[in-house]
């Protein structure tokens, strides 16, 4: 009976590992495709036409945009490895340095996002949505940093998950803009809707998952 239980636990552990590896690889693949298709072209084509085609007024804010893109790319590509338990245990020192790089990227990206939100040419509604998104991004990262400083590892992991969800809003908003059939909405309304939906809805789903896991854990330990 004990041997059977051990085999079952080992099988579950392998399944969980495979699921986590697949999930991390999928998230990283999406991030790489996004960076290759939407970020690198703005590095390669540094001119007014290319920047303003991406979004109105981007060329006049190109310094802030480059800062935002670079910081966002760092967080987008380093984030998935932060959630792999095996990587954290095997390369603890590298994990800590990558964590610092991730949180530093959020800080720099948030500052540039504030400036771009204030200077956007898409209206105050879109600008306000970006301000709130940047605040959620920075606040989540600050909470993750505060939790790990206080030694609250599980809370740190949860806030890092929330931070990466908001980080991924860069990808989500582009997918919505390119593939969601929102032609019925005026352009300004569509931009505002996507700016909110790209992070608020995924963050709500993430919060539900985190709280359900916490409740299941509490029941199991009772």
Protein backbone atom coordinates (compact mmCIF):
# COMPACT_ATOMS: atom_id res chain seq x y z
CA UNK A 1 0.00 0.00 0.00
CA UNK A 2 2.82 2.37 0.93
CA UNK A 3 4.71 1.49 -2.24
CA UNK A 4 1.61 2.18 -4.33
CA UNK A 5 1.18 5.54 -2.61
CA UNK A 6 4.82 6.42 -3.31
CA UNK A 7 4.45 5.52 -6.99
CA UNK A 8 1.29 7.64 -7.20
CA UNK A 9 3.02 10.65 -5.66
CA UNK A 10 5.99 10.22 -7.99
CA UNK A 11 3.65 10.06 -10.97
CA UNK A 12 1.87 13.22 -9.87
CA UNK A 13 5.21 14.97 -9.38
CA UNK A 14 6.30 14.06 -12.91
CA UNK A 15 2.97 15.23 -14.31
CA UNK A 16 3.22 18.53 -12.43
CA UNK A 17 6.79 19.02 -13.64
CA UNK A 18 5.80 18.32 -17.24
CA UNK A 19 2.87 20.73 -16.95
CA UNK A 20 5.06 23.47 -15.50
CA UNK A 21 7.74 22.97 -18.15
CA UNK A 22 5.15 23.10 -20.91
CA UNK A 23 3.51 26.18 -19.40
CA UNK A 24 6.81 28.03 -19.00
CA UNK A 25 7.88 27.11 -22.53
CA UNK A 26 4.54 28.25 -23.96
CA UNK A 27 4.63 31.60 -22.13
CA UNK A 28 8.25 32.20 -23.12
CA UNK A 29 7.48 31.30 -26.74
CA UNK A 30 4.62 33.81 -26.89
CA UNK A 31 6.89 36.45 -25.34
CA UNK A 32 9.65 35.79 -27.87
CA UNK A 33 7.21 35.94 -30.81
CA UNK A 34 5.81 39.23 -29.49
CA UNK A 35 9.25 40.78 -29.08
CA UNK A 36 10.36 39.59 -32.52
CA UNK A 37 7.24 40.88 -34.29
CA UNK A 38 6.50 44.12 -32.44
CA UNK A 39 9.59 45.28 -30.54
CA UNK A 40 12.60 44.47 -32.72
CA UNK A 41 11.16 46.27 -35.79
CA UNK A 42 11.18 49.54 -33.84
CA UNK A 43 14.86 49.03 -33.02
CA UNK A 44 15.67 48.14 -36.63
CA UNK A 45 13.59 50.91 -38.22
CA UNK A 46 14.43 53.98 -36.19
CA UNK A 47 12.46 56.58 -38.12
CA UNK A 48 9.39 58.75 -37.73
CA UNK A 49 7.21 56.79 -40.13
CA UNK A 50 7.74 53.45 -38.43
CA UNK A 51 7.19 54.83 -34.94
CA UNK A 52 4.07 56.82 -35.73
CA UNK A 53 2.64 53.87 -37.64
CA UNK A 54 2.87 51.82 -34.44
CA UNK A 55 0.94 54.50 -32.53
CA UNK A 56 0.31 58.22 -32.96
CA UNK A 57 2.87 60.52 -31.35
CA UNK A 58 5.36 57.72 -30.72
CA UNK A 59 8.17 59.49 -32.54
CA UNK A 60 8.01 62.57 -30.31
CA UNK A 61 8.22 60.24 -27.28
CA UNK A 62 10.78 57.89 -28.83
CA UNK A 63 13.27 58.15 -25.97
CA UNK A 64 10.65 57.17 -23.42
CA UNK A 65 9.30 54.51 -25.76
CA UNK A 66 12.74 52.92 -26.19
CA UNK A 67 13.18 52.94 -22.42
CA UNK A 68 9.76 51.34 -22.00
CA UNK A 69 10.32 48.72 -24.71
CA UNK A 70 13.72 47.71 -23.36
CA UNK A 71 12.55 47.43 -19.77
CA UNK A 72 9.36 45.63 -20.82
CA UNK A 73 11.31 43.16 -22.92
CA UNK A 74 13.58 42.35 -19.98
CA UNK A 75 10.61 41.64 -17.69
CA UNK A 76 8.72 39.73 -20.36
CA UNK A 77 11.61 37.37 -21.14
CA UNK A 78 13.01 36.86 -17.62
CA UNK A 79 9.63 36.38 -15.94
CA UNK A 80 8.80 32.78 -16.95
CA UNK A 81 12.00 31.36 -15.43
CA UNK A 82 11.16 32.98 -12.09
CA UNK A 83 8.21 30.63 -11.62
CA UNK A 84 10.01 27.35 -12.28
CA UNK A 85 10.67 25.74 -8.88
CA UNK A 86 13.44 23.47 -10.17
CA UNK A 87 15.31 26.42 -11.63
CA UNK A 88 14.98 28.41 -8.39
CA UNK A 89 16.36 25.54 -6.33
CA UNK A 90 19.19 24.58 -8.65
CA UNK A 91 20.29 28.12 -9.53
CA UNK A 92 19.28 30.10 -6.48
CA UNK A 93 21.86 32.84 -6.95
CA UNK A 94 20.98 33.30 -10.64
CA UNK A 95 17.31 33.32 -9.69
CA UNK A 96 17.89 36.16 -7.25
CA UNK A 97 19.81 38.22 -9.80
CA UNK A 98 17.19 37.62 -12.45
CA UNK A 99 14.56 38.64 -9.92
CA UNK A 100 16.40 41.92 -9.34
CA UNK A 101 16.61 42.43 -13.10
CA UNK A 102 12.90 41.69 -13.45
CA UNK A 103 11.86 44.11 -10.70
CA UNK A 104 14.28 46.76 -11.97
CA UNK A 105 12.75 46.41 -15.42
CA UNK A 106 9.29 46.98 -13.97
CA UNK A 107 10.49 50.12 -12.16
CA UNK A 108 12.04 51.61 -15.30
CA UNK A 109 9.14 50.50 -17.47
CA UNK A 110 6.60 52.03 -15.09
CA UNK A 111 8.32 55.43 -15.06
CA UNK A 112 8.43 55.53 -18.86
CA UNK A 113 4.82 54.30 -19.03
CA UNK A 114 3.69 57.22 -16.88
CA UNK A 115 5.38 59.67 -19.22
CA UNK A 116 3.92 58.05 -22.31
CA UNK A 117 0.45 57.94 -20.76
CA UNK A 118 0.59 61.67 -20.06
CA UNK A 119 1.78 62.42 -23.60
CA UNK A 120 -0.49 60.04 -25.50
CA UNK A 121 -2.32 61.33 -28.55
CA UNK A 122 -5.21 58.88 -28.08
CA UNK A 123 -7.13 60.93 -25.54
CA UNK A 124 -7.40 61.29 -21.79
CA UNK A 125 -9.46 58.09 -21.41
CA UNK A 126 -6.69 55.97 -22.90
CA UNK A 127 -4.04 57.92 -21.01
CA UNK A 128 -5.82 57.35 -17.70
CA UNK A 129 -6.14 53.63 -18.44
CA UNK A 130 -2.39 53.46 -19.06
CA UNK A 131 -1.69 55.36 -15.83
CA UNK A 132 -3.73 52.86 -13.83
CA UNK A 133 -2.06 49.94 -15.63
CA UNK A 134 1.40 51.34 -14.85
CA UNK A 135 0.36 51.83 -11.21
CA UNK A 136 -0.85 48.23 -10.96
CA UNK A 137 2.41 47.06 -12.55
CA UNK A 138 4.65 49.04 -10.20
CA UNK A 139 2.56 48.28 -7.10
CA UNK A 140 2.56 44.53 -7.74
CA UNK A 141 6.34 44.54 -8.18
CA UNK A 142 6.81 46.66 -5.04
CA UNK A 143 4.71 44.21 -3.03
CA UNK A 144 6.72 41.27 -4.41
CA UNK A 145 9.94 43.00 -3.39
CA UNK A 146 8.63 43.88 0.08
CA UNK A 147 7.43 40.30 0.64
CA UNK A 148 10.80 38.73 -0.19
CA UNK A 149 12.65 41.28 1.94
CA UNK A 150 10.44 40.20 4.84
CA UNK A 151 11.10 36.54 4.06
CA UNK A 152 7.52 35.79 3.01
CA UNK A 153 8.39 33.55 0.08
CA UNK A 154 4.89 32.31 -0.76
CA UNK A 155 3.44 35.81 -0.72
CA UNK A 156 6.40 36.95 -2.85
CA UNK A 157 5.61 34.26 -5.43
CA UNK A 158 1.97 35.30 -5.58
CA UNK A 159 2.83 38.96 -6.13
CA UNK A 160 5.39 38.02 -8.76
CA UNK A 161 2.65 36.12 -10.58
CA UNK A 162 0.41 39.19 -10.46
CA UNK A 163 3.27 41.36 -11.70
CA UNK A 164 3.90 39.11 -14.68
CA UNK A 165 0.21 39.09 -15.56
CA UNK A 166 0.27 42.89 -15.77
CA UNK A 167 3.57 42.69 -17.70
CA UNK A 168 1.83 40.46 -20.24
CA UNK A 169 -0.73 43.19 -20.88
CA UNK A 170 1.71 44.44 -23.55
CA UNK A 171 1.12 41.20 -25.42
CA UNK A 172 -2.61 41.00 -24.72
CA UNK A 173 -3.37 44.53 -25.87
CA UNK A 174 -1.56 43.89 -29.15
CA UNK A 175 -3.43 40.61 -29.72
CA UNK A 176 -6.76 42.31 -29.01
CA UNK A 177 -5.90 45.19 -31.32
CA UNK A 178 -4.81 42.93 -34.19
CA UNK A 179 -7.24 40.01 -33.94
CA UNK A 180 -10.32 40.95 -31.92
CA UNK A 181 -13.23 41.95 -34.18
CA UNK A 182 -13.97 45.27 -32.50
CA UNK A 183 -14.72 47.32 -35.58
CA UNK A 184 -18.10 48.37 -34.17
CA UNK A 185 -16.37 50.42 -31.52
CA UNK A 186 -14.97 53.85 -32.39
CA UNK A 187 -11.16 53.85 -32.49
CA UNK A 188 -10.84 55.86 -29.27
CA UNK A 189 -13.29 53.62 -27.37
CA UNK A 190 -11.57 50.53 -28.70
CA UNK A 191 -8.19 51.70 -27.44
CA UNK A 192 -9.58 52.46 -23.97
CA UNK A 193 -11.41 49.12 -23.80
CA UNK A 194 -8.31 47.17 -24.76
CA UNK A 195 -6.16 49.12 -22.31
CA UNK A 196 -8.39 48.04 -19.42
CA UNK A 197 -9.25 44.52 -20.60
CA UNK A 198 -5.63 43.59 -21.35
CA UNK A 199 -4.67 43.45 -17.66
CA UNK A 200 -7.78 43.78 -15.45
CA UNK A 201 -9.49 40.61 -16.67
CA UNK A 202 -6.35 38.40 -16.63
CA UNK A 203 -5.49 39.76 -13.17
CA UNK A 204 -8.99 38.92 -11.91
CA UNK A 205 -8.64 35.36 -13.22
CA UNK A 206 -5.19 35.06 -11.62
CA UNK A 207 -6.55 36.27 -8.30
CA UNK A 208 -9.31 33.67 -8.40
CA UNK A 209 -6.75 30.91 -9.03
CA UNK A 210 -4.44 32.12 -6.25
CA UNK A 211 -7.25 32.37 -3.71
CA UNK A 212 -8.69 28.97 -4.64
CA UNK A 213 -5.25 27.41 -4.20
CA UNK A 214 -4.89 29.13 -0.85
CA UNK A 215 -8.27 27.85 0.32
CA UNK A 216 -7.47 24.29 -0.80
CA UNK A 217 -4.16 24.48 1.04
CA UNK A 218 -5.89 25.70 4.19
CA UNK A 219 -8.41 22.85 4.05
CA UNK A 220 -5.65 20.26 3.53
CA UNK A 221 -3.65 21.51 6.52
CA UNK A 222 -6.69 21.71 8.82
